Amino acid sequence: MTNRHPSTTHLLRYFEYSHLPERLQAFSAPFSELAHSVVGYLPDGPELTAGLRKLLEAKDCIVRAAVDQERDEAAAADPDGGER
């Protein structure tokens, strides 16, 4: 993104998700799409920055919930924790 406030570009980088496992990408991708869409329509300013930060917080919570679900499912599938 060119000609955007540093706060906007700084926050947008946290919406990248290609480094995540495919299952977690499915949860993260919609947040990235929304963040980029909003930035495409709205001018820089304190409310945009606050909105992106809150959207980022929501994305992080959802991805953590998905990670917790994976751990819970793995633990349920192997109640001995892999010990023999």
N, C-alpha and C. Protein backbone atom coordinates (compact mmCIF):
# COMPACT_ATOMS: atom_id res chain seq x y z
N MET A 1 0.84 -1.18 0.00
CA MET A 1 0.00 0.00 0.00
C MET A 1 0.89 1.24 0.00
N THR A 2 0.60 2.11 -0.89
CA THR A 2 1.37 3.34 -0.96
C THR A 2 0.53 4.49 -0.44
N ASN A 3 1.21 5.49 0.05
CA ASN A 3 0.55 6.71 0.53
C ASN A 3 -0.43 6.46 1.67
N ARG A 4 -0.13 5.49 2.52
CA ARG A 4 -0.98 5.25 3.68
C ARG A 4 -0.19 5.60 4.93
N HIS A 5 -0.90 5.95 5.97
CA HIS A 5 -0.26 6.28 7.24
C HIS A 5 0.49 5.05 7.76
N PRO A 6 1.63 5.25 8.39
CA PRO A 6 2.39 4.11 8.92
C PRO A 6 1.59 3.23 9.87
N SER A 7 0.67 3.80 10.63
CA SER A 7 -0.15 2.99 11.53
C SER A 7 -1.01 2.00 10.75
N THR A 8 -1.53 2.44 9.63
CA THR A 8 -2.37 1.57 8.81
C THR A 8 -1.55 0.43 8.23
N THR A 9 -0.43 0.75 7.64
CA THR A 9 0.38 -0.31 7.04
C THR A 9 0.97 -1.24 8.10
N HIS A 10 1.30 -0.67 9.26
CA HIS A 10 1.84 -1.49 10.34
C HIS A 10 0.81 -2.53 10.79
N LEU A 11 -0.42 -2.11 10.98
CA LEU A 11 -1.45 -3.05 11.44
C LEU A 11 -1.80 -4.08 10.36
N LEU A 12 -1.82 -3.66 9.12
CA LEU A 12 -2.19 -4.60 8.05
C LEU A 12 -1.26 -5.80 7.98
N ARG A 13 0.00 -5.62 8.33
CA ARG A 13 0.93 -6.75 8.24
C ARG A 13 0.56 -7.88 9.19
N TYR A 14 -0.15 -7.56 10.28
CA TYR A 14 -0.54 -8.59 11.23
C TYR A 14 -1.74 -9.41 10.76
N PHE A 15 -2.30 -9.03 9.62
CA PHE A 15 -3.40 -9.81 9.06
C PHE A 15 -2.91 -10.84 8.05
N GLU A 16 -1.60 -10.92 7.83
CA GLU A 16 -1.06 -11.95 6.95
C GLU A 16 -1.29 -13.32 7.61
N TYR A 17 -1.51 -14.32 6.80
CA TYR A 17 -1.83 -15.62 7.37
C TYR A 17 -1.19 -16.81 6.63
N SER A 18 -0.40 -16.55 5.62
CA SER A 18 0.19 -17.65 4.85
C SER A 18 1.13 -18.52 5.68
N HIS A 19 1.64 -17.99 6.78
CA HIS A 19 2.55 -18.75 7.64
C HIS A 19 1.82 -19.75 8.54
N LEU A 20 0.50 -19.61 8.62
CA LEU A 20 -0.29 -20.48 9.50
C LEU A 20 -0.58 -21.82 8.83
N PRO A 21 -0.82 -22.86 9.64
CA PRO A 21 -1.29 -24.12 9.06
C PRO A 21 -2.61 -23.88 8.32
N GLU A 22 -2.88 -24.71 7.32
CA GLU A 22 -4.04 -24.50 6.45
C GLU A 22 -5.35 -24.38 7.24
N ARG A 23 -5.53 -25.19 8.25
CA ARG A 23 -6.77 -25.14 9.02
C ARG A 23 -6.94 -23.78 9.70
N LEU A 24 -5.87 -23.22 10.23
CA LEU A 24 -5.95 -21.92 10.88
C LEU A 24 -6.07 -20.79 9.87
N GLN A 25 -5.54 -20.99 8.68
CA GLN A 25 -5.70 -19.98 7.64
C GLN A 25 -7.17 -19.74 7.34
N ALA A 26 -7.97 -20.80 7.40
CA ALA A 26 -9.40 -20.68 7.11
C ALA A 26 -10.09 -19.74 8.10
N PHE A 27 -9.60 -19.69 9.32
CA PHE A 27 -10.18 -18.79 10.32
C PHE A 27 -9.63 -17.38 10.19
N SER A 28 -8.39 -17.25 9.80
CA SER A 28 -7.72 -15.96 9.73
C SER A 28 -8.04 -15.18 8.45
N ALA A 29 -8.21 -15.89 7.35
CA ALA A 29 -8.39 -15.25 6.05
C ALA A 29 -9.53 -14.24 5.99
N PRO A 30 -10.72 -14.55 6.52
CA PRO A 30 -11.80 -13.57 6.43
C PRO A 30 -11.48 -12.24 7.13
N PHE A 31 -10.73 -12.29 8.20
CA PHE A 31 -10.33 -11.07 8.90
C PHE A 31 -9.38 -10.25 8.03
N SER A 32 -8.46 -10.93 7.35
CA SER A 32 -7.54 -10.25 6.45
C SER A 32 -8.29 -9.59 5.31
N GLU A 33 -9.22 -10.31 4.74
CA GLU A 33 -10.01 -9.76 3.63
C GLU A 33 -10.78 -8.52 4.08
N LEU A 34 -11.39 -8.59 5.26
CA LEU A 34 -12.15 -7.45 5.77
C LEU A 34 -11.23 -6.26 6.04
N ALA A 35 -10.09 -6.51 6.67
CA ALA A 35 -9.15 -5.42 6.97
C ALA A 35 -8.70 -4.72 5.69
N HIS A 36 -8.33 -5.48 4.68
CA HIS A 36 -7.88 -4.88 3.43
C HIS A 36 -9.03 -4.16 2.71
N SER A 37 -10.21 -4.70 2.79
CA SER A 37 -11.37 -4.06 2.17
C SER A 37 -11.66 -2.72 2.82
N VAL A 38 -11.65 -2.69 4.14
CA VAL A 38 -11.92 -1.45 4.88
C VAL A 38 -10.86 -0.40 4.55
N VAL A 39 -9.62 -0.80 4.52
CA VAL A 39 -8.53 0.14 4.20
C VAL A 39 -8.68 0.66 2.77
N GLY A 40 -9.24 -0.16 1.89
CA GLY A 40 -9.45 0.26 0.53
C GLY A 40 -10.53 1.33 0.38
N TYR A 41 -11.43 1.40 1.35
CA TYR A 41 -12.55 2.33 1.27
C TYR A 41 -12.43 3.56 2.18
N LEU A 42 -11.73 3.43 3.28
CA LEU A 42 -11.72 4.51 4.28
C LEU A 42 -10.37 5.23 4.34
N PRO A 43 -10.40 6.50 4.69
CA PRO A 43 -9.15 7.24 4.82
C PRO A 43 -8.47 6.92 6.16
N ASP A 44 -7.18 7.17 6.20
CA ASP A 44 -6.43 7.00 7.45
C ASP A 44 -6.98 7.94 8.50
N GLY A 45 -6.89 7.50 9.72
CA GLY A 45 -7.32 8.33 10.84
C GLY A 45 -7.40 7.50 12.10
N PRO A 46 -7.63 8.15 13.21
CA PRO A 46 -7.64 7.43 14.48
C PRO A 46 -8.71 6.35 14.57
N GLU A 47 -9.87 6.58 13.97
CA GLU A 47 -10.93 5.57 14.05
C GLU A 47 -10.60 4.35 13.19
N LEU A 48 -9.97 4.56 12.06
CA LEU A 48 -9.55 3.42 11.24
C LEU A 48 -8.50 2.61 12.00
N THR A 49 -7.54 3.29 12.59
CA THR A 49 -6.51 2.60 13.36
C THR A 49 -7.12 1.81 14.50
N ALA A 50 -8.04 2.42 15.24
CA ALA A 50 -8.70 1.73 16.36
C ALA A 50 -9.50 0.53 15.85
N GLY A 51 -10.21 0.72 14.74
CA GLY A 51 -11.00 -0.37 14.19
C GLY A 51 -10.13 -1.54 13.74
N LEU A 52 -9.01 -1.24 13.09
CA LEU A 52 -8.11 -2.31 12.67
C LEU A 52 -7.52 -3.03 13.88
N ARG A 53 -7.19 -2.27 14.91
CA ARG A 53 -6.63 -2.90 16.12
C ARG A 53 -7.65 -3.83 16.76
N LYS A 54 -8.90 -3.42 16.83
CA LYS A 54 -9.94 -4.25 17.42
C LYS A 54 -10.23 -5.47 16.54
N LEU A 55 -10.20 -5.29 15.23
CA LEU A 55 -10.38 -6.42 14.32
C LEU A 55 -9.23 -7.41 14.49
N LEU A 56 -8.03 -6.90 14.67
CA LEU A 56 -6.87 -7.75 14.90
C LEU A 56 -7.02 -8.54 16.21
N GLU A 57 -7.49 -7.87 17.24
CA GLU A 57 -7.72 -8.56 18.52
C GLU A 57 -8.75 -9.67 18.35
N ALA A 58 -9.81 -9.40 17.60
CA ALA A 58 -10.84 -10.42 17.36
C ALA A 58 -10.26 -11.60 16.58
N LYS A 59 -9.48 -11.30 15.55
CA LYS A 59 -8.84 -12.36 14.76
C LYS A 59 -7.95 -13.22 15.63
N ASP A 60 -7.15 -12.59 16.47
CA ASP A 60 -6.25 -13.34 17.34
C ASP A 60 -7.03 -14.26 18.28
N CYS A 61 -8.14 -13.77 18.83
CA CYS A 61 -8.96 -14.58 19.71
C CYS A 61 -9.54 -15.80 18.99
N ILE A 62 -10.03 -15.59 17.77
CA ILE A 62 -10.61 -16.69 17.01
C ILE A 62 -9.56 -17.73 16.65
N VAL A 63 -8.39 -17.29 16.24
CA VAL A 63 -7.32 -18.23 15.89
C VAL A 63 -6.89 -19.00 17.14
N ARG A 64 -6.79 -18.32 18.28
CA ARG A 64 -6.44 -19.03 19.52
C ARG A 64 -7.51 -20.04 19.90
N ALA A 65 -8.78 -19.71 19.68
CA ALA A 65 -9.86 -20.65 19.97
C ALA A 65 -9.73 -21.89 19.08
N ALA A 66 -9.35 -21.70 17.83
CA ALA A 66 -9.15 -22.84 16.93
C ALA A 66 -7.95 -23.68 17.36
N VAL A 67 -6.89 -23.05 17.83
CA VAL A 67 -5.74 -23.78 18.35
C VAL A 67 -6.14 -24.59 19.58
N ASP A 68 -6.91 -23.98 20.48
CA ASP A 68 -7.38 -24.69 21.67
C ASP A 68 -8.23 -25.90 21.28
N GLN A 69 -9.08 -25.73 20.28
CA GLN A 69 -9.93 -26.83 19.83
C GLN A 69 -9.07 -27.98 19.30
N GLU A 70 -8.05 -27.66 18.53
CA GLU A 70 -7.15 -28.70 18.03
C GLU A 70 -6.49 -29.45 19.17
N ARG A 71 -6.03 -28.72 20.17
CA ARG A 71 -5.37 -29.36 21.32
C ARG A 71 -6.35 -30.25 22.08
N ASP A 72 -7.58 -29.75 22.27
CA ASP A 72 -8.58 -30.54 22.98
C ASP A 72 -8.92 -31.82 22.23
N GLU A 73 -9.06 -31.70 20.90
CA GLU A 73 -9.37 -32.88 20.08
C GLU A 73 -8.22 -33.87 20.10
N ALA A 74 -6.99 -33.38 20.06
CA ALA A 74 -5.83 -34.27 20.10
C ALA A 74 -5.74 -34.98 21.44
N ALA A 75 -6.03 -34.26 22.52
CA ALA A 75 -5.99 -34.85 23.86
C ALA A 75 -7.08 -35.89 24.01
N ALA A 76 -8.25 -35.65 23.46
CA ALA A 76 -9.36 -36.60 23.55
C ALA A 76 -9.06 -37.85 22.74
N ALA A 77 -8.36 -37.70 21.63
CA ALA A 77 -8.02 -38.84 20.79
C ALA A 77 -6.93 -39.70 21.40
N ASP A 78 -6.10 -39.09 22.25
CA ASP A 78 -4.99 -39.80 22.88
C ASP A 78 -4.99 -39.46 24.37
N PRO A 79 -5.89 -40.07 25.14
CA PRO A 79 -6.01 -39.72 26.57
C PRO A 79 -4.77 -40.01 27.40
N ASP A 80 -3.89 -40.88 26.93
CA ASP A 80 -2.65 -41.17 27.67
C ASP A 80 -1.55 -40.19 27.35
N GLY A 81 -1.79 -39.26 26.44
CA GLY A 81 -0.79 -38.27 26.07
C GLY A 81 0.39 -38.87 25.33
N GLY A 82 0.19 -40.01 24.69
CA GLY A 82 1.26 -40.62 23.92
C GLY A 82 2.18 -41.49 24.75
N GLU A 83 1.92 -41.61 26.05
CA GLU A 83 2.78 -42.41 26.92
C GLU A 83 2.37 -43.87 26.84
N ARG A 84 3.35 -44.74 26.91
CA ARG A 84 3.09 -46.20 26.89
C ARG A 84 3.90 -46.87 27.93
